[in-house]
Amino acid sequence: QINSIKIIGNPKNKAGVIAFTIKGIHPHDIATILDEDGVAIRAGHHCCQILHQKLNLTATARISIGVYNTKEDIDIFCKAIENCRKIFDLK
């Protein structure tokens, strides 16, 4: 668990595609910072603007995790998220 991350939907029902937000950071900023740290994610509406409107979200960040990812990949993602929080001075 990482402070400030809100997973969209029920985390227990998630598979390899996880949409999320971090309070205080726009998803496009998250994607840019993670890209600089070598982590590729998507940001935006993900072809579901109506759902975003219903959830009162302007956009979400989305990570895809599959069998080809390693624990090290997940650790790098978590460190990159912490870097986002530091850049935006989130506690």
PDB file of N, CA and C in Angstrom:
ATOM      1  N   GLN A   1       0.841  -1.178   0.000  1.00  0.00           N
ATOM      2  CA  GLN A   1       0.000   0.000   0.000  1.00  0.00           C
ATOM      3  C   GLN A   1       0.885   1.239   0.000  1.00  0.00           C
ATOM      4  N   ILE A   2       0.500   2.233  -0.820  1.00  0.00           N
ATOM      5  CA  ILE A   2       1.247   3.484  -0.916  1.00  0.00           C
ATOM      6  C   ILE A   2       0.313   4.617  -0.528  1.00  0.00           C
ATOM      7  N   ASN A   3       0.766   5.456   0.396  1.00  0.00           N
ATOM      8  CA  ASN A   3      -0.051   6.597   0.805  1.00  0.00           C
ATOM      9  C   ASN A   3      -0.417   7.458  -0.386  1.00  0.00           C
ATOM     10  N   SER A   4      -1.605   8.003  -0.367  1.00  0.00           N
ATOM     11  CA  SER A   4      -2.120   8.954  -1.358  1.00  0.00           C
ATOM     12  C   SER A   4      -2.692   8.298  -2.605  1.00  0.00           C
ATOM     13  N   ILE A   5      -2.393   7.038  -2.879  1.00  0.00           N
ATOM     14  CA  ILE A   5      -2.930   6.398  -4.085  1.00  0.00           C
ATOM     15  C   ILE A   5      -4.352   5.930  -3.825  1.00  0.00           C
ATOM     16  N   LYS A   6      -5.232   6.275  -4.759  1.00  0.00           N
ATOM     17  CA  LYS A   6      -6.602   5.769  -4.718  1.00  0.00           C
ATOM     18  C   LYS A   6      -6.791   4.885  -5.943  1.00  0.00           C
ATOM     19  N   ILE A   7      -7.032   3.607  -5.713  1.00  0.00           N
ATOM     20  CA  ILE A   7      -7.296   2.687  -6.815  1.00  0.00           C
ATOM     21  C   ILE A   7      -8.756   2.834  -7.206  1.00  0.00           C
ATOM     22  N   ILE A   8      -8.999   2.975  -8.499  1.00  0.00           N
ATOM     23  CA  ILE A   8     -10.360   3.130  -8.999  1.00  0.00           C
ATOM     24  C   ILE A   8     -10.984   1.741  -9.099  1.00  0.00           C
ATOM     25  N   GLY A   9     -12.124   1.571  -8.459  1.00  0.00           N
ATOM     26  CA  GLY A   9     -12.778   0.268  -8.423  1.00  0.00           C
ATOM     27  C   GLY A   9     -12.362  -0.501  -7.181  1.00  0.00           C
ATOM     28  N   ASN A  10     -12.802  -1.727  -7.097  1.00  0.00           N
ATOM     29  CA  ASN A  10     -12.499  -2.581  -5.960  1.00  0.00           C
ATOM     30  C   ASN A  10     -11.155  -3.270  -6.185  1.00  0.00           C
ATOM     31  N   PRO A  11     -10.145  -2.933  -5.373  1.00  0.00           N
ATOM     32  CA  PRO A  11      -8.810  -3.519  -5.586  1.00  0.00           C
ATOM     33  C   PRO A  11      -8.802  -5.048  -5.556  1.00  0.00           C
ATOM     34  N   LYS A  12      -9.707  -5.649  -4.804  1.00  0.00           N
ATOM     35  CA  LYS A  12      -9.741  -7.111  -4.722  1.00  0.00           C
ATOM     36  C   LYS A  12     -10.206  -7.745  -6.030  1.00  0.00           C
ATOM     37  N   ASN A  13     -10.907  -6.973  -6.862  1.00  0.00           N
ATOM     38  CA  ASN A  13     -11.412  -7.496  -8.132  1.00  0.00           C
ATOM     39  C   ASN A  13     -10.538  -7.100  -9.317  1.00  0.00           C
ATOM     40  N   LYS A  14      -9.375  -6.553  -9.063  1.00  0.00           N
ATOM     41  CA  LYS A  14      -8.505  -6.093 -10.141  1.00  0.00           C
ATOM     42  C   LYS A  14      -7.616  -7.218 -10.637  1.00  0.00           C
ATOM     43  N   ALA A  15      -7.312  -7.159 -11.903  1.00  0.00           N
ATOM     44  CA  ALA A  15      -6.385  -8.116 -12.502  1.00  0.00           C
ATOM     45  C   ALA A  15      -5.112  -7.362 -12.849  1.00  0.00           C
ATOM     46  N   GLY A  16      -4.716  -7.371 -14.113  1.00  0.00           N
ATOM     47  CA  GLY A  16      -3.459  -6.769 -14.512  1.00  0.00           C
ATOM     48  C   GLY A  16      -3.518  -5.302 -14.875  1.00  0.00           C
ATOM     49  N   VAL A  17      -4.715  -4.734 -14.985  1.00  0.00           N
ATOM     50  CA  VAL A  17      -4.840  -3.325 -15.360  1.00  0.00           C
ATOM     51  C   VAL A  17      -5.448  -2.579 -14.181  1.00  0.00           C
ATOM     52  N   ILE A  18      -4.705  -1.599 -13.660  1.00  0.00           N
ATOM     53  CA  ILE A  18      -5.129  -0.883 -12.464  1.00  0.00           C
ATOM     54  C   ILE A  18      -5.123   0.615 -12.745  1.00  0.00           C
ATOM     55  N   ALA A  19      -6.308   1.222 -12.662  1.00  0.00           N
ATOM     56  CA  ALA A  19      -6.425   2.677 -12.794  1.00  0.00           C
ATOM     57  C   ALA A  19      -6.334   3.278 -11.396  1.00  0.00           C
ATOM     58  N   PHE A  20      -5.646   4.420 -11.296  1.00  0.00           N
ATOM     59  CA  PHE A  20      -5.468   5.032  -9.985  1.00  0.00           C
ATOM     60  C   PHE A  20      -5.289   6.537 -10.110  1.00  0.00           C
ATOM     61  N   THR A  21      -5.432   7.211  -8.983  1.00  0.00           N
ATOM     62  CA  THR A  21      -5.140   8.639  -8.883  1.00  0.00           C
ATOM     63  C   THR A  21      -4.278   8.847  -7.639  1.00  0.00           C
ATOM     64  N   ILE A  22      -3.598   9.977  -7.613  1.00  0.00           N
ATOM     65  CA  ILE A  22      -2.885  10.421  -6.420  1.00  0.00           C
ATOM     66  C   ILE A  22      -3.394  11.824  -6.139  1.00  0.00           C
ATOM     67  N   LYS A  23      -4.006  12.000  -4.980  1.00  0.00           N
ATOM     68  CA  LYS A  23      -4.575  13.294  -4.626  1.00  0.00           C
ATOM     69  C   LYS A  23      -3.499  14.373  -4.695  1.00  0.00           C
ATOM     70  N   GLY A  24      -3.797  15.427  -5.450  1.00  0.00           N
ATOM     71  CA  GLY A  24      -2.870  16.543  -5.560  1.00  0.00           C
ATOM     72  C   GLY A  24      -1.935  16.480  -6.752  1.00  0.00           C
ATOM     73  N   ILE A  25      -1.998  15.392  -7.534  1.00  0.00           N
ATOM     74  CA  ILE A  25      -1.130  15.265  -8.713  1.00  0.00           C
ATOM     75  C   ILE A  25      -1.987  14.855  -9.908  1.00  0.00           C
ATOM     76  N   HIS A  26      -1.929  15.621 -10.984  1.00  0.00           N
ATOM     77  CA  HIS A  26      -2.681  15.268 -12.186  1.00  0.00           C
ATOM     78  C   HIS A  26      -2.083  13.999 -12.797  1.00  0.00           C
ATOM     79  N   PRO A  27      -2.921  13.100 -13.285  1.00  0.00           N
ATOM     80  CA  PRO A  27      -2.411  11.858 -13.875  1.00  0.00           C
ATOM     81  C   PRO A  27      -1.377  12.054 -14.988  1.00  0.00           C
ATOM     82  N   HIS A  28      -1.499  13.119 -15.777  1.00  0.00           N
ATOM     83  CA  HIS A  28      -0.496  13.355 -16.816  1.00  0.00           C
ATOM     84  C   HIS A  28       0.864  13.696 -16.200  1.00  0.00           C
ATOM     85  N   ASP A  29       0.849  14.395 -15.063  1.00  0.00           N
ATOM     86  CA  ASP A  29       2.102  14.672 -14.356  1.00  0.00           C
ATOM     87  C   ASP A  29       2.694  13.381 -13.786  1.00  0.00           C
ATOM     88  N   ILE A  30       1.836  12.515 -13.257  1.00  0.00           N
ATOM     89  CA  ILE A  30       2.308  11.218 -12.758  1.00  0.00           C
ATOM     90  C   ILE A  30       3.003  10.457 -13.884  1.00  0.00           C
ATOM     91  N   ALA A  31       2.348  10.391 -15.044  1.00  0.00           N
ATOM     92  CA  ALA A  31       2.908   9.649 -16.183  1.00  0.00           C
ATOM     93  C   ALA A  31       4.243  10.228 -16.625  1.00  0.00           C
ATOM     94  N   THR A  32       4.353  11.550 -16.637  1.00  0.00           N
ATOM     95  CA  THR A  32       5.598  12.196 -17.056  1.00  0.00           C
ATOM     96  C   THR A  32       6.734  11.882 -16.087  1.00  0.00           C
ATOM     97  N   ILE A  33       6.458  11.996 -14.799  1.00  0.00           N
ATOM     98  CA  ILE A  33       7.496  11.741 -13.797  1.00  0.00           C
ATOM     99  C   ILE A  33       7.906  10.272 -13.809  1.00  0.00           C
ATOM    100  N   LEU A  34       6.930   9.369 -13.888  1.00  0.00           N
ATOM    101  CA  LEU A  34       7.265   7.948 -13.936  1.00  0.00           C
ATOM    102  C   LEU A  34       8.068   7.619 -15.184  1.00  0.00           C
ATOM    103  N   ASP A  35       7.733   8.254 -16.302  1.00  0.00           N
ATOM    104  CA  ASP A  35       8.494   8.037 -17.538  1.00  0.00           C
ATOM    105  C   ASP A  35       9.958   8.419 -17.345  1.00  0.00           C
ATOM    106  N   GLU A  36      10.195   9.541 -16.658  1.00  0.00           N
ATOM    107  CA  GLU A  36      11.569   9.965 -16.390  1.00  0.00           C
ATOM    108  C   GLU A  36      12.304   8.959 -15.506  1.00  0.00           C
ATOM    109  N   ASP A  37      11.537   8.210 -14.704  1.00  0.00           N
ATOM    110  CA  ASP A  37      12.127   7.177 -13.844  1.00  0.00           C
ATOM    111  C   ASP A  37      12.143   5.806 -14.524  1.00  0.00           C
ATOM    112  N   GLY A  38      11.789   5.764 -15.806  1.00  0.00           N
ATOM    113  CA  GLY A  38      11.850   4.516 -16.561  1.00  0.00           C
ATOM    114  C   GLY A  38      10.633   3.620 -16.441  1.00  0.00           C
ATOM    115  N   VAL A  39       9.519   4.183 -15.968  1.00  0.00           N
ATOM    116  CA  VAL A  39       8.290   3.404 -15.802  1.00  0.00           C
ATOM    117  C   VAL A  39       7.248   3.924 -16.787  1.00  0.00           C
ATOM    118  N   ALA A  40       6.732   3.040 -17.625  1.00  0.00           N
ATOM    119  CA  ALA A  40       5.733   3.431 -18.626  1.00  0.00           C
ATOM    120  C   ALA A  40       4.331   3.125 -18.113  1.00  0.00           C
ATOM    121  N   ILE A  41       3.501   4.166 -18.033  1.00  0.00           N
ATOM    122  CA  ILE A  41       2.089   4.003 -17.698  1.00  0.00           C
ATOM    123  C   ILE A  41       1.286   4.833 -18.685  1.00  0.00           C
ATOM    124  N   ARG A  42      -0.021   4.755 -18.601  1.00  0.00           N
ATOM    125  CA  ARG A  42      -0.905   5.572 -19.427  1.00  0.00           C
ATOM    126  C   ARG A  42      -1.625   6.548 -18.517  1.00  0.00           C
ATOM    127  N   ALA A  43      -2.020   7.691 -19.084  1.00  0.00           N
ATOM    128  CA  ALA A  43      -2.801   8.675 -18.337  1.00  0.00           C
ATOM    129  C   ALA A  43      -3.852   9.259 -19.261  1.00  0.00           C
ATOM    130  N   GLY A  44      -5.005   9.553 -18.706  1.00  0.00           N
ATOM    131  CA  GLY A  44      -6.078  10.156 -19.490  1.00  0.00           C
ATOM    132  C   GLY A  44      -7.414   9.512 -19.196  1.00  0.00           C
ATOM    133  N   HIS A  45      -8.274   9.454 -20.242  1.00  0.00           N
ATOM    134  CA  HIS A  45      -9.618   8.881 -20.092  1.00  0.00           C
ATOM    135  C   HIS A  45      -9.666   7.388 -20.393  1.00  0.00           C
ATOM    136  N   HIS A  46      -8.708   6.868 -21.126  1.00  0.00           N
ATOM    137  CA  HIS A  46      -8.639   5.450 -21.490  1.00  0.00           C
ATOM    138  C   HIS A  46      -9.905   4.992 -22.215  1.00  0.00           C
ATOM    139  N   CYS A  47     -10.410   5.852 -23.079  1.00  0.00           N
ATOM    140  CA  CYS A  47     -11.607   5.558 -23.891  1.00  0.00           C
ATOM    141  C   CYS A  47     -12.857   5.329 -23.048  1.00  0.00           C
ATOM    142  N   CYS A  48     -12.906   5.906 -21.859  1.00  0.00           N
ATOM    143  CA  CYS A  48     -14.127   5.767 -21.039  1.00  0.00           C
ATOM    144  C   CYS A  48     -14.443   7.091 -20.338  1.00  0.00           C
ATOM    145  N   GLN A  49     -14.628   8.143 -21.163  1.00  0.00           N
ATOM    146  CA  GLN A  49     -14.927   9.466 -20.633  1.00  0.00           C
ATOM    147  C   GLN A  49     -16.207   9.474 -19.801  1.00  0.00           C
ATOM    148  N   ILE A  50     -17.220   8.724 -20.235  1.00  0.00           N
ATOM    149  CA  ILE A  50     -18.494   8.724 -19.513  1.00  0.00           C
ATOM    150  C   ILE A  50     -18.298   8.199 -18.089  1.00  0.00           C
ATOM    151  N   LEU A  51     -17.522   7.143 -17.933  1.00  0.00           N
ATOM    152  CA  LEU A  51     -17.245   6.618 -16.595  1.00  0.00           C
ATOM    153  C   LEU A  51     -16.482   7.644 -15.765  1.00  0.00           C
ATOM    154  N   HIS A  52     -15.497   8.294 -16.372  1.00  0.00           N
ATOM    155  CA  HIS A  52     -14.750   9.320 -15.643  1.00  0.00           C
ATOM    156  C   HIS A  52     -15.685  10.435 -15.185  1.00  0.00           C
ATOM    157  N   GLN A  53     -16.613  10.851 -16.044  1.00  0.00           N
ATOM    158  CA  GLN A  53     -17.576  11.887 -15.656  1.00  0.00           C
ATOM    159  C   GLN A  53     -18.433  11.408 -14.489  1.00  0.00           C
ATOM    160  N   LYS A  54     -18.924  10.170 -14.572  1.00  0.00           N
ATOM    161  CA  LYS A  54     -19.764   9.621 -13.507  1.00  0.00           C
ATOM    162  C   LYS A  54     -19.006   9.554 -12.181  1.00  0.00           C
ATOM    163  N   LEU A  55     -17.719   9.234 -12.247  1.00  0.00           N
ATOM    164  CA  LEU A  55     -16.888   9.151 -11.042  1.00  0.00           C
ATOM    165  C   LEU A  55     -16.317  10.503 -10.634  1.00  0.00           C
ATOM    166  N   ASN A  56     -16.664  11.554 -11.395  1.00  0.00           N
ATOM    167  CA  ASN A  56     -16.182  12.916 -11.135  1.00  0.00           C
ATOM    168  C   ASN A  56     -14.652  12.986 -11.166  1.00  0.00           C
ATOM    169  N   LEU A  57     -14.080  12.338 -12.172  1.00  0.00           N
ATOM    170  CA  LEU A  57     -12.632  12.335 -12.362  1.00  0.00           C
ATOM    171  C   LEU A  57     -12.295  13.000 -13.691  1.00  0.00           C
ATOM    172  N   THR A  58     -11.287  13.847 -13.696  1.00  0.00           N
ATOM    173  CA  THR A  58     -10.856  14.449 -14.960  1.00  0.00           C
ATOM    174  C   THR A  58     -10.025  13.473 -15.776  1.00  0.00           C
ATOM    175  N   ALA A  59      -9.282  12.610 -15.100  1.00  0.00           N
ATOM    176  CA  ALA A  59      -8.426  11.621 -15.760  1.00  0.00           C
ATOM    177  C   ALA A  59      -7.933  10.647 -14.696  1.00  0.00           C
ATOM    178  N   THR A  60      -7.352   9.545 -15.145  1.00  0.00           N
ATOM    179  CA  THR A  60      -6.720   8.599 -14.230  1.00  0.00           C
ATOM    180  C   THR A  60      -5.384   8.161 -14.813  1.00  0.00           C
ATOM    181  N   ALA A  61      -4.540   7.651 -13.952  1.00  0.00           N
ATOM    182  CA  ALA A  61      -3.310   6.988 -14.390  1.00  0.00           C
ATOM    183  C   ALA A  61      -3.626   5.497 -14.424  1.00  0.00           C
ATOM    184  N   ARG A  62      -2.937   4.758 -15.294  1.00  0.00           N
ATOM    185  CA  ARG A  62      -3.225   3.326 -15.415  1.00  0.00           C
ATOM    186  C   ARG A  62      -1.927   2.561 -15.620  1.00  0.00           C
ATOM    187  N   ILE A  63      -1.736   1.559 -14.796  1.00  0.00           N
ATOM    188  CA  ILE A  63      -0.579   0.677 -14.930  1.00  0.00           C
ATOM    189  C   ILE A  63      -1.083  -0.707 -15.327  1.00  0.00           C
ATOM    190  N   SER A  64      -0.328  -1.358 -16.171  1.00  0.00           N
ATOM    191  CA  SER A  64      -0.643  -2.732 -16.571  1.00  0.00           C
ATOM    192  C   SER A  64       0.475  -3.642 -16.083  1.00  0.00           C
ATOM    193  N   ILE A  65       0.080  -4.676 -15.365  1.00  0.00           N
ATOM    194  CA  ILE A  65       1.045  -5.617 -14.807  1.00  0.00           C
ATOM    195  C   ILE A  65       0.715  -7.001 -15.351  1.00  0.00           C
ATOM    196  N   GLY A  66       1.738  -7.688 -15.830  1.00  0.00           N
ATOM    197  CA  GLY A  66       1.510  -9.016 -16.395  1.00  0.00           C
ATOM    198  C   GLY A  66       2.546 -10.016 -15.932  1.00  0.00           C
ATOM    199  N   VAL A  67       2.471 -11.193 -16.494  1.00  0.00           N
ATOM    200  CA  VAL A  67       3.380 -12.271 -16.092  1.00  0.00           C
ATOM    201  C   VAL A  67       4.837 -11.953 -16.415  1.00  0.00           C
ATOM    202  N   TYR A  68       5.048 -11.030 -17.333  1.00  0.00           N
ATOM    203  CA  TYR A  68       6.408 -10.666 -17.731  1.00  0.00           C
ATOM    204  C   TYR A  68       7.048  -9.665 -16.779  1.00  0.00           C
ATOM    205  N   ASN A  69       6.261  -9.098 -15.859  1.00  0.00           N
ATOM    206  CA  ASN A  69       6.812  -8.154 -14.892  1.00  0.00           C
ATOM    207  C   ASN A  69       7.409  -8.912 -13.716  1.00  0.00           C
ATOM    208  N   THR A  70       8.459  -8.320 -13.150  1.00  0.00           N
ATOM    209  CA  THR A  70       9.129  -8.928 -12.004  1.00  0.00           C
ATOM    210  C   THR A  70       8.825  -8.135 -10.740  1.00  0.00           C
ATOM    211  N   LYS A  71       9.192  -8.702  -9.601  1.00  0.00           N
ATOM    212  CA  LYS A  71       9.057  -7.968  -8.345  1.00  0.00           C
ATOM    213  C   LYS A  71       9.881  -6.687  -8.412  1.00  0.00           C
ATOM    214  N   GLU A  72      11.028  -6.751  -9.064  1.00  0.00           N
ATOM    215  CA  GLU A  72      11.868  -5.560  -9.212  1.00  0.00           C
ATOM    216  C   GLU A  72      11.120  -4.468  -9.985  1.00  0.00           C
ATOM    217  N   ASP A  73      10.355  -4.834 -11.014  1.00  0.00           N
ATOM    218  CA  ASP A  73       9.552  -3.852 -11.755  1.00  0.00           C
ATOM    219  C   ASP A  73       8.564  -3.149 -10.827  1.00  0.00           C
ATOM    220  N   ILE A  74       7.919  -3.920  -9.963  1.00  0.00           N
ATOM    221  CA  ILE A  74       6.950  -3.350  -9.024  1.00  0.00           C
ATOM    222  C   ILE A  74       7.661  -2.435  -8.033  1.00  0.00           C
ATOM    223  N   ASP A  75       8.827  -2.843  -7.557  1.00  0.00           N
ATOM    224  CA  ASP A  75       9.600  -2.002  -6.634  1.00  0.00           C
ATOM    225  C   ASP A  75       9.996  -0.686  -7.302  1.00  0.00           C
ATOM    226  N   ILE A  76      10.395  -0.744  -8.564  1.00  0.00           N
ATOM    227  CA  ILE A  76      10.759   0.472  -9.306  1.00  0.00           C
ATOM    228  C   ILE A  76       9.546   1.378  -9.440  1.00  0.00           C
ATOM    229  N   PHE A  77       8.381   0.799  -9.743  1.00  0.00           N
ATOM    230  CA  PHE A  77       7.143   1.578  -9.825  1.00  0.00           C
ATOM    231  C   PHE A  77       6.861   2.273  -8.488  1.00  0.00           C
ATOM    232  N   CYS A  78       6.960   1.539  -7.388  1.00  0.00           N
ATOM    233  CA  CYS A  78       6.690   2.115  -6.064  1.00  0.00           C
ATOM    234  C   CYS A  78       7.659   3.252  -5.743  1.00  0.00           C
ATOM    235  N   LYS A  79       8.934   3.081  -6.074  1.00  0.00           N
ATOM    236  CA  LYS A  79       9.920   4.149  -5.852  1.00  0.00           C
ATOM    237  C   LYS A  79       9.610   5.364  -6.716  1.00  0.00           C
ATOM    238  N   ALA A  80       9.166   5.143  -7.943  1.00  0.00           N
ATOM    239  CA  ALA A  80       8.814   6.253  -8.831  1.00  0.00           C
ATOM    240  C   ALA A  80       7.595   7.003  -8.302  1.00  0.00           C
ATOM    241  N   ILE A  81       6.633   6.278  -7.736  1.00  0.00           N
ATOM    242  CA  ILE A  81       5.463   6.927  -7.127  1.00  0.00           C
ATOM    243  C   ILE A  81       5.908   7.775  -5.939  1.00  0.00           C
ATOM    244  N   GLU A  82       6.796   7.244  -5.129  1.00  0.00           N
ATOM    245  CA  GLU A  82       7.320   8.028  -4.000  1.00  0.00           C
ATOM    246  C   GLU A  82       8.036   9.276  -4.504  1.00  0.00           C
ATOM    247  N   ASN A  83       8.732   9.176  -5.629  1.00  0.00           N
ATOM    248  CA  ASN A  83       9.384  10.338  -6.230  1.00  0.00           C
ATOM    249  C   ASN A  83       8.346  11.390  -6.619  1.00  0.00           C
ATOM    250  N   CYS A  84       7.226  10.959  -7.183  1.00  0.00           N
ATOM    251  CA  CYS A  84       6.129  11.891  -7.514  1.00  0.00           C
ATOM    252  C   CYS A  84       5.672  12.630  -6.267  1.00  0.00           C
ATOM    253  N   ARG A  85       5.461  11.872  -5.207  1.00  0.00           N
ATOM    254  CA  ARG A  85       4.982  12.473  -3.962  1.00  0.00           C
ATOM    255  C   ARG A  85       5.990  13.483  -3.419  1.00  0.00           C
ATOM    256  N   LYS A  86       7.288  13.182  -3.538  1.00  0.00           N
ATOM    257  CA  LYS A  86       8.315  14.116  -3.075  1.00  0.00           C
ATOM    258  C   LYS A  86       8.326  15.379  -3.925  1.00  0.00           C
ATOM    259  N   ILE A  87       8.253  15.213  -5.243  1.00  0.00           N
ATOM    260  CA  ILE A  87       8.266  16.372  -6.145  1.00  0.00           C
ATOM    261  C   ILE A  87       7.102  17.305  -5.832  1.00  0.00           C
ATOM    262  N   PHE A  88       5.935  16.737  -5.527  1.00  0.00           N
ATOM    263  CA  PHE A  88       4.755  17.545  -5.233  1.00  0.00           C
ATOM    264  C   PHE A  88       4.598  17.817  -3.742  1.00  0.00           C
ATOM    265  N   ASP A  89       5.615  17.470  -2.967  1.00  0.00           N
ATOM    266  CA  ASP A  89       5.667  17.737  -1.529  1.00  0.00           C
ATOM    267  C   ASP A  89       4.450  17.172  -0.800  1.00  0.00           C
ATOM    268  N   LEU A  90       4.092  15.930  -1.130  1.00  0.00           N
ATOM    269  CA  LEU A  90       2.997  15.256  -0.437  1.00  0.00           C
ATOM    270  C   LEU A  90       3.574  14.408   0.678  1.00  0.00           C
ATOM    271  N   LYS A  91       2.979  14.463   1.805  1.00  0.00           N
ATOM    272  CA  LYS A  91       3.461  13.714   2.974  1.00  0.00           C
ATOM    273  C   LYS A  91       2.827  12.346   3.017  1.00  0.00           C
TER     274      LYS A  91
END
